[in-house]
Amino acid sequence: MGVEIKLTDKELPISPAMIEFLENQIAGKPQEATWSDQLSEVLVPTEAERRLQYAQAVADKVLQDPLGQKAIYRAYDLLAAISIGSMQKLKAIHERYRFICVVGCPRHGGSYLTKELFLALGQDPERVPNVIAHDGFPNLTPFALDERYNAYTAATQQMAEYLAMMEVFFARARRDAEGYTVVPKKATKAVYQGAFFNAVLGPKTEYVITLRHPVAACTSTYEKSTGLPLDGRFDARGNIEEWAKRDAMWLGMSEGEVLRSDYFDLYLRYWEHYHYSLALTGLAANKSWTIVAYGKERLMGLAGKFHERFGSKAAPGEFKVFDKRSRHLEWNAKAVDTITRVAQVWKSAGLAFPVDEVMEGW
């Protein structure tokens, strides 16, 4: 007995992000590349509706262009390959590209290191689109199943689209001494589907893991979201806070419980479980990890190694650090307990968490 299951682009439409990327590539227009601004504290509102309307307006143009057609067919081909485990098609990507993924909680220095990777490879970060460089896409999340939405299916399709866009963007990029095209990617969300992410990108993938003290990271997070709420309660005003809220609800809290929580308590819960996911979801099966704790000398030192490795004659850019160690001293005891638990879980997974460096509090 044969069974045929047919899914079309009606059930699995190409994302607005890919349509916009391809339209800009076809037209030769500069693309949105705001990701590399380390010092920005501007709260960026969601642009989902604008992107959808724009994609609908230019979709026909993209579909009629040979580059657009080729990339879209490639995305669907990779979607099918990943879905059924057609490893030969992924192997061809693994044999040509070496991904260097910067993974860490938001506000942990990842954008700086991703920017320095592109600079070390001779590319201007301001000309690298957000969808190629940063962590907004693919949007891997904790599992959710809802009407017309499956987080696993969405992750698979967006990974396929990312790979297809990556091939377009890096088509003329130079190769390293071993013949690989090096592809930097800030991948905050890889932790939610670690084994999947690791398998799709392949065994040559390298990970740079950024760590930071939760008090300093929390302070930086609320500063980006217009300040600590006056009542001290948690509020979801920007992307990072939305992720913290979503993760807490995934762990069993109601929305009301989240919004009644103390701001730092809720953020600390997010930080703790994010770092458990780093160790336990399969990303650590790849042993090519470089772990770096937040701090000017450490981050600039690692950036310098990128420039040396890839033959750049440029010095690493300055990493701006603002001393937050005297802020919120009342939060420190809770942070110490959490860091201790995270270090123990990492140890159980065969990983060394740099407690002393993180406890510096930068």
Protein backbone atom coordinates (compact mmCIF):
# COMPACT_ATOMS: atom_id res chain seq x y z
CA MET A 1 0.00 0.00 0.00
CA GLY A 2 1.32 3.41 -0.93
CA VAL A 3 0.38 6.58 0.90
CA GLU A 4 0.98 10.04 -0.57
CA ILE A 5 1.11 13.07 1.70
CA LYS A 6 1.13 16.38 -0.12
CA LEU A 7 1.92 19.76 1.42
CA THR A 8 2.00 22.87 -0.74
CA ASP A 9 3.21 26.43 -0.35
CA LYS A 10 -0.28 27.22 0.93
CA GLU A 11 0.40 25.21 4.10
CA LEU A 12 4.11 26.12 4.17
CA PRO A 13 4.50 29.57 2.60
CA ILE A 14 7.91 31.16 2.16
CA SER A 15 8.57 33.56 5.03
CA PRO A 16 8.32 37.33 4.56
CA ALA A 17 11.96 37.54 5.74
CA MET A 18 13.14 35.44 2.79
CA ILE A 19 10.99 37.31 0.27
CA GLU A 20 12.37 40.64 1.50
CA PHE A 21 15.95 39.33 1.45
CA LEU A 22 15.60 38.05 -2.13
CA GLU A 23 13.89 41.21 -3.37
CA ASN A 24 16.76 43.28 -2.04
CA GLN A 25 19.31 40.92 -3.59
CA ILE A 26 17.58 41.08 -6.96
CA ALA A 27 17.31 44.87 -6.87
CA GLY A 28 20.83 45.33 -5.49
CA LYS A 29 19.46 47.41 -2.62
CA PRO A 30 21.18 47.76 0.75
CA GLN A 31 19.48 45.60 3.34
CA GLU A 32 18.60 46.22 6.96
CA ALA A 33 21.81 45.66 8.92
CA THR A 34 21.28 47.22 12.33
CA TRP A 35 22.40 44.16 14.26
CA SER A 36 26.04 45.18 14.78
CA ASP A 37 25.32 48.32 16.86
CA GLN A 38 26.55 47.21 20.29
CA LEU A 39 25.58 50.43 22.04
CA SER A 40 22.01 50.75 20.82
CA GLU A 41 19.52 50.87 23.66
CA VAL A 42 16.58 51.59 21.37
CA LEU A 43 13.57 49.36 21.92
CA VAL A 44 12.79 47.90 18.51
CA PRO A 45 9.07 47.26 18.03
CA THR A 46 7.83 44.21 16.19
CA GLU A 47 7.66 44.69 12.42
CA ALA A 48 5.85 41.48 11.54
CA GLU A 49 2.87 43.22 9.96
CA ARG A 50 5.04 45.59 7.91
CA ARG A 51 7.20 42.70 6.69
CA LEU A 52 4.15 40.68 5.72
CA GLN A 53 2.64 43.55 3.74
CA TYR A 54 5.95 44.27 2.01
CA ALA A 55 6.47 40.60 1.15
CA GLN A 56 2.99 40.37 -0.34
CA ALA A 57 3.69 43.46 -2.47
CA VAL A 58 6.96 42.16 -3.95
CA ALA A 59 6.32 38.40 -4.00
CA ASP A 60 5.42 38.22 -7.70
CA LYS A 61 8.57 40.13 -8.65
CA VAL A 62 10.70 37.71 -6.65
CA LEU A 63 8.97 34.63 -8.05
CA GLN A 64 9.46 35.83 -11.63
CA ASP A 65 13.20 36.42 -11.22
CA PRO A 66 15.59 33.50 -11.88
CA LEU A 67 17.57 34.18 -8.68
CA GLY A 68 14.38 34.28 -6.63
CA GLN A 69 13.00 31.12 -8.22
CA LYS A 70 16.24 29.22 -7.68
CA ALA A 71 16.57 30.23 -4.03
CA ILE A 72 12.94 29.44 -3.21
CA TYR A 73 13.09 26.03 -4.88
CA ARG A 74 16.32 25.41 -2.99
CA ALA A 75 14.62 26.29 0.31
CA TYR A 76 11.80 23.83 -0.33
CA ASP A 77 14.29 21.18 -1.46
CA LEU A 78 16.23 21.58 1.79
CA LEU A 79 12.98 21.57 3.79
CA ALA A 80 12.15 18.18 2.31
CA ALA A 81 15.71 16.92 2.83
CA ILE A 82 15.79 17.91 6.51
CA SER A 83 12.26 16.61 7.11
CA ILE A 84 12.98 13.10 5.83
CA GLY A 85 16.69 12.94 6.71
CA SER A 86 18.14 13.11 3.19
CA MET A 87 21.67 13.56 4.50
CA GLN A 88 23.43 13.65 1.15
CA LYS A 89 22.01 17.10 0.43
CA LEU A 90 23.09 18.37 3.83
CA LYS A 91 26.51 16.75 3.40
CA ALA A 92 27.11 18.93 0.36
CA ILE A 93 26.60 21.99 2.58
CA HIS A 94 28.80 20.55 5.31
CA GLU A 95 31.62 19.98 2.80
CA ARG A 96 31.61 23.58 1.60
CA TYR A 97 30.69 25.74 4.60
CA ARG A 98 32.17 26.08 8.07
CA PHE A 99 29.72 27.81 10.41
CA ILE A 100 30.98 29.73 13.43
CA CYS A 101 28.00 30.32 15.67
CA VAL A 102 28.02 32.75 18.58
CA VAL A 103 25.59 31.44 21.17
CA GLY A 104 24.62 33.06 24.45
CA CYS A 105 21.85 34.83 26.28
CA PRO A 106 20.99 38.29 24.92
CA ARG A 107 23.17 41.18 26.15
CA HIS A 108 26.12 38.81 26.66
CA GLY A 109 28.51 40.24 24.05
CA GLY A 110 27.49 38.06 21.13
CA SER A 111 26.82 40.85 18.65
CA TYR A 112 30.31 42.26 19.18
CA LEU A 113 31.97 38.91 18.50
CA THR A 114 29.78 38.25 15.45
CA LYS A 115 30.70 41.67 14.08
CA GLU A 116 34.41 40.99 14.63
CA LEU A 117 34.11 37.65 12.85
CA PHE A 118 32.72 39.36 9.76
CA LEU A 119 35.41 42.04 9.93
CA ALA A 120 38.13 39.39 10.27
CA LEU A 121 36.77 37.76 7.11
CA GLY A 122 36.96 41.05 5.22
CA GLN A 123 33.23 41.79 5.21
CA ASP A 124 31.55 45.02 6.24
CA PRO A 125 29.01 44.14 8.97
CA GLU A 126 26.86 47.09 7.95
CA ARG A 127 26.29 45.36 4.61
CA VAL A 128 25.39 41.99 6.11
CA PRO A 129 21.61 41.70 6.46
CA ASN A 130 20.09 40.98 9.85
CA VAL A 131 18.57 37.74 8.56
CA ILE A 132 22.03 36.44 7.61
CA ALA A 133 24.04 37.56 10.63
CA HIS A 134 21.79 37.83 13.64
CA ASP A 135 19.59 35.71 15.87
CA GLY A 136 16.13 36.76 14.72
CA PHE A 137 16.17 34.12 11.99
CA PRO A 138 15.76 31.17 12.10
CA ASN A 139 13.38 31.59 15.00
CA LEU A 140 13.91 28.41 17.03
CA THR A 141 11.71 28.25 20.12
CA PRO A 142 10.58 25.92 22.88
CA PHE A 143 8.03 23.47 21.49
CA ALA A 144 4.51 24.76 20.89
CA LEU A 145 1.58 23.29 18.94
CA ASP A 146 -1.31 25.50 17.96
CA GLU A 147 -3.72 26.08 15.11
CA ARG A 148 -1.66 26.06 11.89
CA TYR A 149 1.59 26.17 13.87
CA ASN A 150 4.08 23.51 14.91
CA ALA A 151 7.34 24.78 16.38
CA TYR A 152 9.31 21.84 14.96
CA THR A 153 7.93 22.35 11.46
CA ALA A 154 8.57 26.10 11.69
CA ALA A 155 12.14 25.49 12.84
CA THR A 156 12.77 23.07 9.99
CA GLN A 157 11.40 25.43 7.35
CA GLN A 158 13.26 28.47 8.66
CA MET A 159 16.52 26.53 8.87
CA ALA A 160 16.02 25.49 5.25
CA GLU A 161 15.32 29.09 4.24
CA TYR A 162 18.34 30.34 6.17
CA LEU A 163 20.61 27.86 4.36
CA ALA A 164 19.18 28.88 0.98
CA MET A 165 19.69 32.58 1.75
CA MET A 166 23.16 31.87 3.11
CA GLU A 167 24.14 30.22 -0.17
CA VAL A 168 22.98 33.29 -2.09
CA PHE A 169 24.76 35.75 0.19
CA PHE A 170 28.06 33.84 0.41
CA ALA A 171 28.12 32.72 -3.23
CA ARG A 172 31.27 34.73 -4.01
CA ALA A 173 32.89 34.69 -0.57
CA ARG A 174 36.51 33.57 -0.36
CA ARG A 175 37.39 30.22 1.15
CA ASP A 176 39.76 29.53 4.01
CA ALA A 177 42.98 27.52 3.84
CA GLU A 178 41.05 24.25 4.12
CA GLY A 179 38.67 25.18 1.31
CA TYR A 180 35.67 26.13 3.43
CA THR A 181 33.57 29.26 3.18
CA VAL A 182 33.38 30.54 6.75
CA VAL A 183 29.89 31.66 7.78
CA PRO A 184 29.48 33.60 11.05
CA LYS A 185 26.08 33.51 12.71
CA LYS A 186 24.76 34.86 16.00
CA ALA A 187 22.56 32.01 17.16
CA THR A 188 21.02 32.85 20.53
CA LYS A 189 18.07 30.53 19.87
CA ALA A 190 20.10 27.44 18.94
CA VAL A 191 19.78 26.23 22.54
CA TYR A 192 16.08 25.51 22.13
CA GLN A 193 16.75 22.81 19.54
CA GLY A 194 20.44 22.12 20.13
CA ALA A 195 20.75 18.65 18.62
CA PHE A 196 18.69 19.68 15.57
CA PHE A 197 20.71 22.85 15.04
CA ASN A 198 23.99 21.00 15.43
CA ALA A 199 23.02 18.21 13.02
CA VAL A 200 21.77 20.55 10.30
CA LEU A 201 24.87 22.75 10.30
CA GLY A 202 27.22 19.80 10.47
CA PRO A 203 30.31 18.50 12.26
CA LYS A 204 32.64 21.32 11.18
CA THR A 205 30.53 23.91 12.98
CA GLU A 206 32.26 25.82 15.77
CA TYR A 207 30.52 27.43 18.72
CA VAL A 208 31.54 30.51 20.66
CA ILE A 209 29.63 30.51 23.94
CA THR A 210 29.24 33.87 25.68
CA LEU A 211 28.51 34.05 29.42
CA ARG A 212 27.69 36.97 31.72
CA HIS A 213 26.66 37.55 35.32
CA PRO A 214 22.84 37.55 35.52
CA VAL A 215 22.61 40.79 37.51
CA ALA A 216 24.56 42.75 34.91
CA ALA A 217 22.69 41.02 32.07
CA CYS A 218 19.33 41.75 33.68
CA THR A 219 20.27 45.40 34.17
CA SER A 220 21.32 45.67 30.53
CA THR A 221 18.05 44.02 29.47
CA TYR A 222 15.75 46.43 31.30
CA GLU A 223 17.88 49.38 30.16
CA LYS A 224 17.18 48.31 26.57
CA SER A 225 13.49 48.11 27.39
CA THR A 226 13.11 51.72 28.64
CA GLY A 227 14.05 51.05 32.26
CA LEU A 228 13.09 48.97 35.27
CA PRO A 229 9.30 49.08 35.71
CA LEU A 230 8.38 51.47 38.50
CA ASP A 231 6.60 48.79 40.50
CA GLY A 232 9.50 46.36 40.13
CA ARG A 233 7.25 43.81 38.44
CA PHE A 234 8.09 42.06 35.23
CA ASP A 235 6.76 43.45 31.96
CA ALA A 236 7.26 42.29 28.38
CA ARG A 237 8.08 45.40 26.36
CA GLY A 238 10.77 44.18 23.97
CA ASN A 239 11.96 40.98 22.34
CA ILE A 240 14.21 39.79 25.17
CA GLU A 241 11.48 40.28 27.77
CA GLU A 242 9.02 38.49 25.46
CA TRP A 243 11.40 35.51 25.29
CA ALA A 244 11.73 35.48 29.08
CA LYS A 245 7.93 35.56 29.44
CA ARG A 246 7.45 32.83 26.83
CA ASP A 247 10.07 30.56 28.44
CA ALA A 248 8.54 30.99 31.89
CA MET A 249 5.09 30.09 30.54
CA TRP A 250 6.59 27.08 28.75
CA LEU A 251 7.85 25.96 32.16
CA GLY A 252 4.36 26.20 33.62
CA MET A 253 3.73 29.75 34.79
CA SER A 254 0.56 31.53 33.74
CA GLU A 255 0.78 34.90 32.03
CA GLY A 256 -0.65 36.52 35.14
CA GLU A 257 1.99 34.89 37.34
CA VAL A 258 4.72 36.14 35.01
CA LEU A 259 3.47 39.71 35.07
CA ARG A 260 3.08 39.67 38.85
CA SER A 261 6.63 38.38 39.35
CA ASP A 262 9.51 40.42 40.64
CA TYR A 263 11.45 41.60 37.59
CA PHE A 264 14.78 40.06 38.60
CA ASP A 265 13.24 36.81 39.83
CA LEU A 266 11.59 36.25 36.47
CA TYR A 267 14.68 37.25 34.51
CA LEU A 268 16.86 35.00 36.68
CA ARG A 269 14.54 32.07 35.97
CA TYR A 270 14.97 32.73 32.24
CA TRP A 271 18.78 33.05 32.57
CA GLU A 272 19.08 29.85 34.60
CA HIS A 273 17.06 27.65 32.27
CA TYR A 274 18.71 29.13 29.18
CA HIS A 275 22.06 27.95 30.54
CA TYR A 276 20.65 24.52 31.36
CA SER A 277 19.54 24.31 27.73
CA LEU A 278 23.03 25.22 26.57
CA ALA A 279 24.35 22.13 28.29
CA LEU A 280 21.50 19.68 27.86
CA THR A 281 19.73 20.03 24.48
CA GLY A 282 22.46 18.49 22.32
CA LEU A 283 24.55 21.49 21.31
CA ALA A 284 27.40 20.27 23.51
CA ALA A 285 27.69 17.05 21.50
CA ASN A 286 29.88 19.20 19.27
CA LYS A 287 33.18 19.61 21.14
CA SER A 288 34.31 22.68 19.18
CA TRP A 289 33.31 25.10 21.92
CA THR A 290 35.10 28.29 22.88
CA ILE A 291 33.66 29.65 26.13
CA VAL A 292 34.21 33.30 26.95
CA ALA A 293 32.97 35.25 29.97
CA TYR A 294 31.92 38.87 29.55
CA GLY A 295 34.70 41.40 30.00
CA LYS A 296 36.57 43.85 27.81
CA GLU A 297 39.94 42.11 27.77
CA ARG A 298 38.49 38.64 27.26
CA LEU A 299 36.16 39.60 24.42
CA MET A 300 38.69 41.79 22.64
CA GLY A 301 41.32 39.10 23.10
CA LEU A 302 39.09 36.54 21.40
CA ALA A 303 38.26 39.01 18.63
CA GLY A 304 42.00 39.49 18.09
CA LYS A 305 42.36 35.74 17.62
CA PHE A 306 39.68 35.85 14.92
CA HIS A 307 41.61 38.52 13.03
CA GLU A 308 44.84 36.58 13.37
CA ARG A 309 43.25 33.31 12.26
CA PHE A 310 41.67 34.74 9.12
CA GLY A 311 44.58 36.91 8.06
CA SER A 312 43.03 40.27 8.79
CA LYS A 313 45.48 43.10 9.34
CA ALA A 314 42.96 45.07 11.36
CA ALA A 315 42.94 45.35 15.13
CA PRO A 316 39.74 44.32 16.91
CA GLY A 317 37.28 47.09 17.57
CA GLU A 318 36.89 48.39 21.08
CA PHE A 319 34.39 46.54 23.22
CA LYS A 320 32.48 49.03 25.32
CA VAL A 321 31.90 47.91 28.90
CA PHE A 322 29.88 49.92 31.40
CA ASP A 323 30.52 48.95 34.99
CA LYS A 324 27.27 47.71 36.55
CA ARG A 325 28.85 45.89 39.48
CA SER A 326 27.57 48.34 42.10
CA ARG A 327 23.99 48.16 40.83
CA HIS A 328 21.34 46.04 42.54
CA LEU A 329 23.53 44.54 45.23
CA GLU A 330 20.33 43.13 46.76
CA TRP A 331 20.08 40.74 43.81
CA ASN A 332 23.52 39.19 44.29
CA ALA A 333 22.65 36.44 46.78
CA LYS A 334 19.98 35.01 44.47
CA ALA A 335 22.42 35.20 41.55
CA VAL A 336 25.12 33.29 43.46
CA ASP A 337 22.72 30.43 44.20
CA THR A 338 21.66 30.27 40.55
CA ILE A 339 25.21 30.36 39.20
CA THR A 340 26.13 27.54 41.58
CA ARG A 341 23.26 25.39 40.29
CA VAL A 342 24.14 26.09 36.65
CA ALA A 343 27.79 25.18 37.28
CA GLN A 344 26.70 21.88 38.85
CA VAL A 345 24.48 21.00 35.88
CA TRP A 346 27.27 21.86 33.46
CA LYS A 347 29.65 19.66 35.43
CA SER A 348 27.19 16.76 35.19
CA ALA A 349 27.24 17.24 31.42
CA GLY A 350 31.05 17.27 31.30
CA LEU A 351 31.33 21.04 30.86
CA ALA A 352 33.27 23.53 32.97
CA PHE A 353 31.34 26.70 33.81
CA PRO A 354 33.83 29.55 34.51
CA VAL A 355 32.33 30.58 37.83
CA ASP A 356 35.12 32.90 38.94
CA GLU A 357 35.13 34.87 35.69
CA VAL A 358 31.35 35.19 35.61
CA MET A 359 31.31 36.24 39.27
CA GLU A 360 33.42 39.29 38.39
CA GLY A 361 30.03 40.75 37.58
CA TRP A 362 30.66 42.56 34.30
